[in-house]
Amino acid sequence: MDVKFRRLVSTLKPQLKCLRSSRPVKFGWLPKVMPRQGVYLFSEGSRHLYVGRSNRLRQRLQSHCRPSGDHYTATFAFLIARHKTGHRKAAYARSGSRATLLKNPKFRRAFTRAKHRVARMDIRYVAENHPIRQALLEIYAAVVLGTKYNDFDTH
């Protein structure tokens, strides 16, 4: 393995340990002082469901959790709604598009419920400002924790 890559990879296990051991918070109780950049984890009890990363951590978490979030900002809730309604694959034709899905009352209800569910989940996060380590940690955490809603499929 390349030496530079090995150095990056060597930081992943300790960072994941910090992420997992961080005290979970709820959306309504995000601390005033948070890292600007980092990796976050949504969980329900001991079930880890989704890992993400952001260079604007607080704003990203708020986007996921606000009831007013749309299909571009509340992407985790949108994924949950896709799973609940059987629309798991993204479509790039008008039929099956995000906008078309939201016109479907059943899907729209599932999306609304999913946003409320995400807002009640436990949130953990760890600071990470290096973009490559951030990306690697997101993937590493999703693989190790077996998060149901991370698939890294290309669009």
Protein backbone atom coordinates (compact mmCIF):
# COMPACT_ATOMS: atom_id res chain seq x y z
CA MET A 1 0.00 0.00 0.00
CA ASP A 2 1.20 3.50 -0.79
CA VAL A 3 2.80 5.23 2.21
CA LYS A 4 0.68 8.41 1.91
CA PHE A 5 -2.52 6.39 1.74
CA ARG A 6 -1.44 4.16 4.64
CA ARG A 7 -0.93 7.29 6.78
CA LEU A 8 -4.44 8.47 5.97
CA VAL A 9 -5.95 5.06 6.66
CA SER A 10 -4.13 4.81 10.00
CA THR A 11 -6.23 7.72 11.30
CA LEU A 12 -9.57 6.04 10.61
CA LYS A 13 -9.83 3.56 13.48
CA PRO A 14 -9.09 6.14 16.22
CA GLN A 15 -11.48 8.64 14.63
CA LEU A 16 -14.23 6.01 14.43
CA LYS A 17 -13.64 5.18 18.08
CA CYS A 18 -14.09 8.89 18.93
CA LEU A 19 -17.25 9.04 16.83
CA ARG A 20 -18.78 5.95 18.43
CA SER A 21 -17.87 6.98 21.96
CA SER A 22 -19.06 10.57 21.66
CA ARG A 23 -22.11 11.44 23.73
CA PRO A 24 -25.21 11.31 21.53
CA VAL A 25 -27.29 14.46 21.24
CA LYS A 26 -30.72 15.16 19.84
CA PHE A 27 -31.37 17.66 17.09
CA GLY A 28 -33.06 20.15 19.40
CA TRP A 29 -30.11 20.04 21.78
CA LEU A 30 -27.14 20.54 19.47
CA PRO A 31 -24.40 22.25 21.49
CA LYS A 32 -23.62 25.89 20.84
CA VAL A 33 -19.99 25.03 20.19
CA MET A 34 -19.48 22.39 17.52
CA PRO A 35 -16.73 21.63 15.05
CA ARG A 36 -17.24 23.36 11.72
CA GLN A 37 -16.27 20.31 9.66
CA GLY A 38 -16.69 16.67 10.45
CA VAL A 39 -18.36 13.32 10.15
CA TYR A 40 -21.72 12.57 11.75
CA LEU A 41 -23.70 9.47 12.63
CA PHE A 42 -27.46 9.02 13.03
CA SER A 43 -28.56 6.16 15.28
CA GLU A 44 -31.62 4.73 16.97
CA GLY A 45 -30.41 3.11 20.17
CA SER A 46 -27.61 0.74 19.22
CA ARG A 47 -28.64 0.68 15.54
CA HIS A 48 -26.40 2.93 13.50
CA LEU A 49 -28.29 3.97 10.38
CA TYR A 50 -26.49 6.68 8.44
CA VAL A 51 -23.07 8.32 8.27
CA GLY A 52 -22.44 11.61 6.54
CA ARG A 53 -19.84 14.31 6.32
CA SER A 54 -19.91 18.04 5.96
CA ASN A 55 -17.81 21.19 5.91
CA ARG A 56 -20.75 22.96 7.59
CA LEU A 57 -21.65 20.42 10.24
CA ARG A 58 -24.28 22.32 12.23
CA GLN A 59 -26.10 23.51 9.11
CA ARG A 60 -25.99 20.03 7.58
CA LEU A 61 -27.48 18.41 10.67
CA GLN A 62 -30.19 21.06 10.75
CA SER A 63 -30.97 20.41 7.08
CA HIS A 64 -31.42 16.71 7.78
CA CYS A 65 -33.69 17.33 10.78
CA ARG A 66 -35.91 20.30 9.99
CA PRO A 67 -39.53 19.51 9.13
CA SER A 68 -39.25 22.06 6.31
CA GLY A 69 -36.35 20.17 4.70
CA ASP A 70 -36.88 19.28 1.08
CA HIS A 71 -35.66 16.34 -0.98
CA TYR A 72 -32.32 18.06 -1.60
CA THR A 73 -31.59 18.94 2.04
CA ALA A 74 -33.28 16.18 4.05
CA THR A 75 -31.60 13.46 2.01
CA PHE A 76 -31.43 10.90 4.80
CA ALA A 77 -35.19 11.19 5.38
CA PHE A 78 -35.70 10.93 1.62
CA LEU A 79 -33.70 7.66 1.63
CA ILE A 80 -35.83 6.31 4.47
CA ALA A 81 -38.99 7.22 2.56
CA ARG A 82 -37.63 5.51 -0.55
CA HIS A 83 -37.04 2.32 1.45
CA LYS A 84 -40.45 2.45 3.12
CA THR A 85 -42.29 2.88 -0.17
CA GLY A 86 -40.18 0.54 -2.29
CA HIS A 87 -38.69 3.30 -4.48
CA ARG A 88 -35.09 2.41 -3.64
CA LYS A 89 -33.39 3.35 -6.87
CA ALA A 90 -32.93 6.91 -8.02
CA ALA A 91 -34.51 7.64 -11.39
CA TYR A 92 -33.23 10.23 -13.79
CA ALA A 93 -36.26 10.26 -15.99
CA ARG A 94 -39.30 12.36 -15.23
CA SER A 95 -41.14 9.20 -14.17
CA GLY A 96 -39.73 8.23 -10.78
CA SER A 97 -37.84 11.48 -10.24
CA ARG A 98 -37.69 13.09 -6.79
CA ALA A 99 -40.23 15.72 -7.81
CA THR A 100 -42.59 13.05 -9.17
CA LEU A 101 -42.22 10.95 -6.01
CA LEU A 102 -43.18 13.95 -3.89
CA LYS A 103 -46.41 14.32 -5.87
CA ASN A 104 -47.39 10.84 -4.71
CA PRO A 105 -49.39 11.24 -1.45
CA LYS A 106 -48.14 7.94 -0.04
CA PHE A 107 -44.52 8.90 -0.65
CA ARG A 108 -45.04 12.45 0.65
CA ARG A 109 -46.49 11.04 3.92
CA ALA A 110 -43.57 8.63 4.23
CA PHE A 111 -41.11 11.50 3.69
CA THR A 112 -42.83 13.65 6.34
CA ARG A 113 -42.77 10.77 8.84
CA ALA A 114 -39.12 10.08 8.01
CA LYS A 115 -38.16 13.72 8.69
CA HIS A 116 -39.81 13.50 12.11
CA ARG A 117 -38.05 10.20 12.76
CA VAL A 118 -34.62 11.60 11.82
CA ALA A 119 -35.18 14.62 14.09
CA ARG A 120 -35.64 12.23 17.06
CA MET A 121 -32.55 10.14 16.36
CA ASP A 122 -29.31 10.19 18.32
CA ILE A 123 -26.61 12.22 16.60
CA ARG A 124 -22.90 11.76 17.13
CA TYR A 125 -20.16 13.67 15.38
CA VAL A 126 -16.42 14.03 15.29
CA ALA A 127 -14.32 16.89 13.96
CA GLU A 128 -12.46 16.23 10.74
CA ASN A 129 -11.32 19.10 8.55
CA HIS A 130 -9.10 17.20 6.10
CA PRO A 131 -11.31 16.47 3.05
CA ILE A 132 -9.74 13.13 2.14
CA ARG A 133 -9.77 11.83 5.72
CA GLN A 134 -13.36 13.04 5.97
CA ALA A 135 -14.38 11.03 2.90
CA LEU A 136 -12.44 7.94 4.00
CA LEU A 137 -13.88 8.11 7.52
CA GLU A 138 -17.42 8.32 6.15
CA ILE A 139 -16.86 5.17 4.08
CA TYR A 140 -14.95 3.36 6.85
CA ALA A 141 -17.63 4.11 9.45
CA ALA A 142 -20.44 3.03 7.11
CA VAL A 143 -18.69 -0.27 6.38
CA VAL A 144 -17.65 -1.05 9.97
CA LEU A 145 -20.98 0.01 11.50
CA GLY A 146 -23.06 -1.54 8.73
CA THR A 147 -25.23 1.54 8.31
CA LYS A 148 -28.39 0.57 6.46
CA TYR A 149 -28.83 3.78 4.49
CA ASN A 150 -25.30 4.32 3.15
CA ASP A 151 -24.75 2.58 -0.16
CA PHE A 152 -22.30 4.83 -2.05
CA ASP A 153 -24.04 3.95 -5.29
CA THR A 154 -23.28 6.34 -8.12
CA HIS A 155 -26.07 8.28 -9.77
